[in-house]
Amino acid sequence: MDPAAIDAVIYFGSPHKDYYVWMAAPKIQHELGLSSATAFEVAAVSAGCPIALNVARSLLIANPALRNVLLVGASRESYLIDYRNVRSRFMFNFGDGAAAALVGRGPGKARVLATARSRTVRSTISCGCPRAAPATRPAPRPWPTACTAST
């Protein structure tokens, strides 16, 4: 694909990058020669991909001049994990990896019809973030069998 056909780059990956105060999106833009593309980041950790998809979809709907949005996600948290520390057990399944997707206009079999999100205090408790949770923990309940979103 011609680099000029990519109008935006959205990085939605890990906040742990090569430098402390640094954005990956402009680096990706530069490395791929996307000089005319807008580059920015969505900071949502594990929820980054669906949120970035929603942002890309919204950009394409809002601006008919845009043709393609490149989504790039990367994660590098393995070096943060201390397997000897039981308090970090919620991170034991973290891994390193990367993915990219091109979202664009035109006919195709795959479409982003809608996105939804759900975040509860319960998920915060399950992830081991007691400071963000209430002082008293609710009694455990079974997890739902299907994800639903309410408006």
C-alpha atoms as a PDB file:
ATOM      1  CA  MET A   1       0.000   0.000   0.000  1.00  0.00           C
ATOM      2  CA  ASP A   2       1.175   3.495  -0.786  1.00  0.00           C
ATOM      3  CA  PRO A   3       2.160   5.221   2.501  1.00  0.00           C
ATOM      4  CA  ALA A   4       0.244   8.316   1.377  1.00  0.00           C
ATOM      5  CA  ALA A   5      -2.979   6.269   1.530  1.00  0.00           C
ATOM      6  CA  ILE A   6      -2.703   5.908   5.327  1.00  0.00           C
ATOM      7  CA  ASP A   7      -4.243   8.953   6.969  1.00  0.00           C
ATOM      8  CA  ALA A   8      -3.842   8.130  10.664  1.00  0.00           C
ATOM      9  CA  VAL A   9      -1.824   5.906  12.983  1.00  0.00           C
ATOM     10  CA  ILE A  10      -3.291   4.913  16.344  1.00  0.00           C
ATOM     11  CA  TYR A  11      -1.007   3.178  18.848  1.00  0.00           C
ATOM     12  CA  PHE A  12      -2.958   1.332  21.539  1.00  0.00           C
ATOM     13  CA  GLY A  13      -0.282  -0.715  23.244  1.00  0.00           C
ATOM     14  CA  SER A  14       1.571  -0.857  26.489  1.00  0.00           C
ATOM     15  CA  PRO A  15       2.537   2.299  28.346  1.00  0.00           C
ATOM     16  CA  HIS A  16       5.908   0.622  29.097  1.00  0.00           C
ATOM     17  CA  LYS A  17       8.032   1.733  26.142  1.00  0.00           C
ATOM     18  CA  ASP A  18      11.667   2.342  25.253  1.00  0.00           C
ATOM     19  CA  TYR A  19      11.804   5.681  27.080  1.00  0.00           C
ATOM     20  CA  TYR A  20       9.903   7.117  30.068  1.00  0.00           C
ATOM     21  CA  VAL A  21       8.429  10.156  28.301  1.00  0.00           C
ATOM     22  CA  TRP A  22       7.919   8.980  24.753  1.00  0.00           C
ATOM     23  CA  MET A  23       5.137   8.285  22.286  1.00  0.00           C
ATOM     24  CA  ALA A  24       5.358   5.258  20.023  1.00  0.00           C
ATOM     25  CA  ALA A  25       2.846   6.530  17.424  1.00  0.00           C
ATOM     26  CA  PRO A  26       5.143   9.192  15.884  1.00  0.00           C
ATOM     27  CA  LYS A  27       7.999   6.657  15.808  1.00  0.00           C
ATOM     28  CA  ILE A  28       5.798   4.185  13.912  1.00  0.00           C
ATOM     29  CA  GLN A  29       4.688   6.998  11.601  1.00  0.00           C
ATOM     30  CA  HIS A  30       8.325   7.925  10.882  1.00  0.00           C
ATOM     31  CA  GLU A  31       9.584   4.344  10.428  1.00  0.00           C
ATOM     32  CA  LEU A  32       6.815   3.557   7.920  1.00  0.00           C
ATOM     33  CA  GLY A  33       7.252   6.818   5.999  1.00  0.00           C
ATOM     34  CA  LEU A  34       3.725   8.019   6.763  1.00  0.00           C
ATOM     35  CA  SER A  35       4.625  11.704   6.708  1.00  0.00           C
ATOM     36  CA  SER A  36       1.092  12.887   5.908  1.00  0.00           C
ATOM     37  CA  ALA A  37      -0.622  10.735   8.564  1.00  0.00           C
ATOM     38  CA  THR A  38      -1.810  11.961  11.944  1.00  0.00           C
ATOM     39  CA  ALA A  39      -0.283   9.862  14.732  1.00  0.00           C
ATOM     40  CA  PHE A  40      -1.550   9.543  18.296  1.00  0.00           C
ATOM     41  CA  GLU A  41      -2.028   7.086  21.139  1.00  0.00           C
ATOM     42  CA  VAL A  42      -4.930   5.583  23.044  1.00  0.00           C
ATOM     43  CA  ALA A  43      -3.953   4.640  26.598  1.00  0.00           C
ATOM     44  CA  ALA A  44      -6.292   1.889  27.743  1.00  0.00           C
ATOM     45  CA  VAL A  45      -3.908  -0.996  28.515  1.00  0.00           C
ATOM     46  CA  SER A  46      -5.758  -4.306  27.932  1.00  0.00           C
ATOM     47  CA  ALA A  47      -8.849  -2.581  26.531  1.00  0.00           C
ATOM     48  CA  GLY A  48      -6.819  -0.678  23.944  1.00  0.00           C
ATOM     49  CA  CYS A  49      -7.742  -2.659  20.832  1.00  0.00           C
ATOM     50  CA  PRO A  50     -11.542  -2.320  20.970  1.00  0.00           C
ATOM     51  CA  ILE A  51     -11.235   1.327  21.976  1.00  0.00           C
ATOM     52  CA  ALA A  52      -8.777   1.996  19.124  1.00  0.00           C
ATOM     53  CA  LEU A  53     -11.190   0.257  16.718  1.00  0.00           C
ATOM     54  CA  ASN A  54     -13.965   2.536  17.939  1.00  0.00           C
ATOM     55  CA  VAL A  55     -11.782   5.632  17.524  1.00  0.00           C
ATOM     56  CA  ALA A  56     -10.758   4.554  13.995  1.00  0.00           C
ATOM     57  CA  ARG A  57     -14.381   3.901  13.041  1.00  0.00           C
ATOM     58  CA  SER A  58     -15.421   7.269  14.468  1.00  0.00           C
ATOM     59  CA  LEU A  59     -12.646   9.077  12.572  1.00  0.00           C
ATOM     60  CA  LEU A  60     -13.717   7.494   9.285  1.00  0.00           C
ATOM     61  CA  ILE A  61     -17.380   8.355   9.900  1.00  0.00           C
ATOM     62  CA  ALA A  62     -16.625  11.930  10.984  1.00  0.00           C
ATOM     63  CA  ASN A  63     -14.233  12.782   8.156  1.00  0.00           C
ATOM     64  CA  PRO A  64     -15.111  11.466   4.672  1.00  0.00           C
ATOM     65  CA  ALA A  65     -11.676  12.591   3.414  1.00  0.00           C
ATOM     66  CA  LEU A  66      -9.933   9.925   5.506  1.00  0.00           C
ATOM     67  CA  ARG A  67      -9.327   6.627   3.735  1.00  0.00           C
ATOM     68  CA  ASN A  68      -7.293   4.361   6.004  1.00  0.00           C
ATOM     69  CA  VAL A  69      -6.347   4.213   9.682  1.00  0.00           C
ATOM     70  CA  LEU A  70      -3.483   1.999  10.848  1.00  0.00           C
ATOM     71  CA  LEU A  71      -3.892   0.478  14.312  1.00  0.00           C
ATOM     72  CA  VAL A  72      -0.752  -0.770  16.065  1.00  0.00           C
ATOM     73  CA  GLY A  73      -0.586  -2.425  19.456  1.00  0.00           C
ATOM     74  CA  ALA A  74       2.399  -3.789  21.331  1.00  0.00           C
ATOM     75  CA  SER A  75       2.959  -5.101  24.806  1.00  0.00           C
ATOM     76  CA  ARG A  76       6.151  -5.651  26.737  1.00  0.00           C
ATOM     77  CA  GLU A  77       5.326  -6.377  30.359  1.00  0.00           C
ATOM     78  CA  SER A  78       7.200  -9.636  30.939  1.00  0.00           C
ATOM     79  CA  TYR A  79      10.164  -7.840  32.468  1.00  0.00           C
ATOM     80  CA  LEU A  80       7.853  -6.360  35.141  1.00  0.00           C
ATOM     81  CA  ILE A  81       6.861  -9.754  36.537  1.00  0.00           C
ATOM     82  CA  ASP A  82       8.566 -11.170  39.604  1.00  0.00           C
ATOM     83  CA  TYR A  83       7.395 -14.782  39.822  1.00  0.00           C
ATOM     84  CA  ARG A  84       8.817 -14.997  43.350  1.00  0.00           C
ATOM     85  CA  ASN A  85       6.365 -12.323  44.535  1.00  0.00           C
ATOM     86  CA  VAL A  86       2.924 -13.855  45.078  1.00  0.00           C
ATOM     87  CA  ARG A  87       1.378 -10.350  45.146  1.00  0.00           C
ATOM     88  CA  SER A  88       2.142 -10.022  41.431  1.00  0.00           C
ATOM     89  CA  ARG A  89       0.281 -13.232  40.545  1.00  0.00           C
ATOM     90  CA  PHE A  90      -2.379 -11.300  38.619  1.00  0.00           C
ATOM     91  CA  MET A  91       0.345 -10.571  36.039  1.00  0.00           C
ATOM     92  CA  PHE A  92       1.590 -14.154  35.644  1.00  0.00           C
ATOM     93  CA  ASN A  93      -0.294 -14.551  32.354  1.00  0.00           C
ATOM     94  CA  PHE A  94       1.134 -11.371  30.803  1.00  0.00           C
ATOM     95  CA  GLY A  95       3.142 -11.844  27.645  1.00  0.00           C
ATOM     96  CA  ASP A  96       4.969  -9.807  25.053  1.00  0.00           C
ATOM     97  CA  GLY A  97       3.637  -9.355  21.537  1.00  0.00           C
ATOM     98  CA  ALA A  98       2.415  -6.995  18.850  1.00  0.00           C
ATOM     99  CA  ALA A  99      -0.351  -6.689  16.277  1.00  0.00           C
ATOM    100  CA  ALA A 100      -1.454  -4.291  13.572  1.00  0.00           C
ATOM    101  CA  ALA A 101      -4.627  -3.789  11.562  1.00  0.00           C
ATOM    102  CA  LEU A 102      -5.632  -1.495   8.749  1.00  0.00           C
ATOM    103  CA  VAL A 103      -9.161  -0.092   8.976  1.00  0.00           C
ATOM    104  CA  GLY A 104     -10.417   1.603   5.850  1.00  0.00           C
ATOM    105  CA  ARG A 105     -13.348   2.601   3.705  1.00  0.00           C
ATOM    106  CA  GLY A 106     -14.928   0.576   0.993  1.00  0.00           C
ATOM    107  CA  PRO A 107     -16.651  -2.715   0.431  1.00  0.00           C
ATOM    108  CA  GLY A 108     -15.406  -5.688   2.322  1.00  0.00           C
ATOM    109  CA  LYS A 109     -16.464  -8.696   4.305  1.00  0.00           C
ATOM    110  CA  ALA A 110     -15.328  -7.367   7.676  1.00  0.00           C
ATOM    111  CA  ARG A 111     -16.965  -4.286   9.148  1.00  0.00           C
ATOM    112  CA  VAL A 112     -16.752  -2.562  12.500  1.00  0.00           C
ATOM    113  CA  LEU A 113     -20.457  -2.297  13.267  1.00  0.00           C
ATOM    114  CA  ALA A 114     -20.197  -1.151  16.872  1.00  0.00           C
ATOM    115  CA  THR A 115     -18.086  -1.406  19.979  1.00  0.00           C
ATOM    116  CA  ALA A 116     -19.011  -1.652  23.637  1.00  0.00           C
ATOM    117  CA  ARG A 117     -17.124  -1.686  26.902  1.00  0.00           C
ATOM    118  CA  SER A 118     -17.739  -2.695  30.458  1.00  0.00           C
ATOM    119  CA  ARG A 119     -15.644  -2.032  33.543  1.00  0.00           C
ATOM    120  CA  THR A 120     -16.710  -2.704  37.059  1.00  0.00           C
ATOM    121  CA  VAL A 121     -15.181  -2.398  40.475  1.00  0.00           C
ATOM    122  CA  ARG A 122     -15.385  -6.179  40.594  1.00  0.00           C
ATOM    123  CA  SER A 123     -12.948  -6.484  37.688  1.00  0.00           C
ATOM    124  CA  THR A 124     -10.614  -4.099  39.492  1.00  0.00           C
ATOM    125  CA  ILE A 125     -10.740  -6.291  42.595  1.00  0.00           C
ATOM    126  CA  SER A 126     -10.132  -9.437  40.532  1.00  0.00           C
ATOM    127  CA  CYS A 127      -7.045  -7.873  39.001  1.00  0.00           C
ATOM    128  CA  GLY A 128      -5.548  -7.217  42.413  1.00  0.00           C
ATOM    129  CA  CYS A 129      -5.981  -3.446  42.700  1.00  0.00           C
ATOM    130  CA  PRO A 130      -7.413  -3.103  46.216  1.00  0.00           C
ATOM    131  CA  ARG A 131      -6.815   0.648  46.450  1.00  0.00           C
ATOM    132  CA  ALA A 132      -9.198   1.220  43.555  1.00  0.00           C
ATOM    133  CA  ALA A 133     -11.815  -1.042  45.114  1.00  0.00           C
ATOM    134  CA  PRO A 134     -14.210  -0.363  47.979  1.00  0.00           C
ATOM    135  CA  ALA A 135     -13.118  -1.070  51.559  1.00  0.00           C
ATOM    136  CA  THR A 136     -15.507  -4.016  51.841  1.00  0.00           C
ATOM    137  CA  ARG A 137     -15.486  -6.609  49.135  1.00  0.00           C
ATOM    138  CA  PRO A 138     -18.766  -8.010  47.840  1.00  0.00           C
ATOM    139  CA  ALA A 139     -19.490 -11.705  48.094  1.00  0.00           C
ATOM    140  CA  PRO A 140     -18.217 -13.575  45.031  1.00  0.00           C
ATOM    141  CA  ARG A 141     -20.745 -14.155  42.265  1.00  0.00           C
ATOM    142  CA  PRO A 142     -20.407 -16.412  39.237  1.00  0.00           C
ATOM    143  CA  TRP A 143     -19.134 -14.708  36.110  1.00  0.00           C
ATOM    144  CA  PRO A 144     -21.735 -14.176  33.375  1.00  0.00           C
ATOM    145  CA  THR A 145     -21.654 -16.612  30.494  1.00  0.00           C
ATOM    146  CA  ALA A 146     -21.992 -13.862  27.883  1.00  0.00           C
ATOM    147  CA  CYS A 147     -20.741 -10.302  27.725  1.00  0.00           C
ATOM    148  CA  THR A 148     -23.447  -7.681  27.522  1.00  0.00           C
ATOM    149  CA  ALA A 149     -23.266  -3.912  27.505  1.00  0.00           C
ATOM    150  CA  SER A 150     -25.822  -1.471  28.790  1.00  0.00           C
ATOM    151  CA  THR A 151     -26.264   2.110  27.718  1.00  0.00           C
END
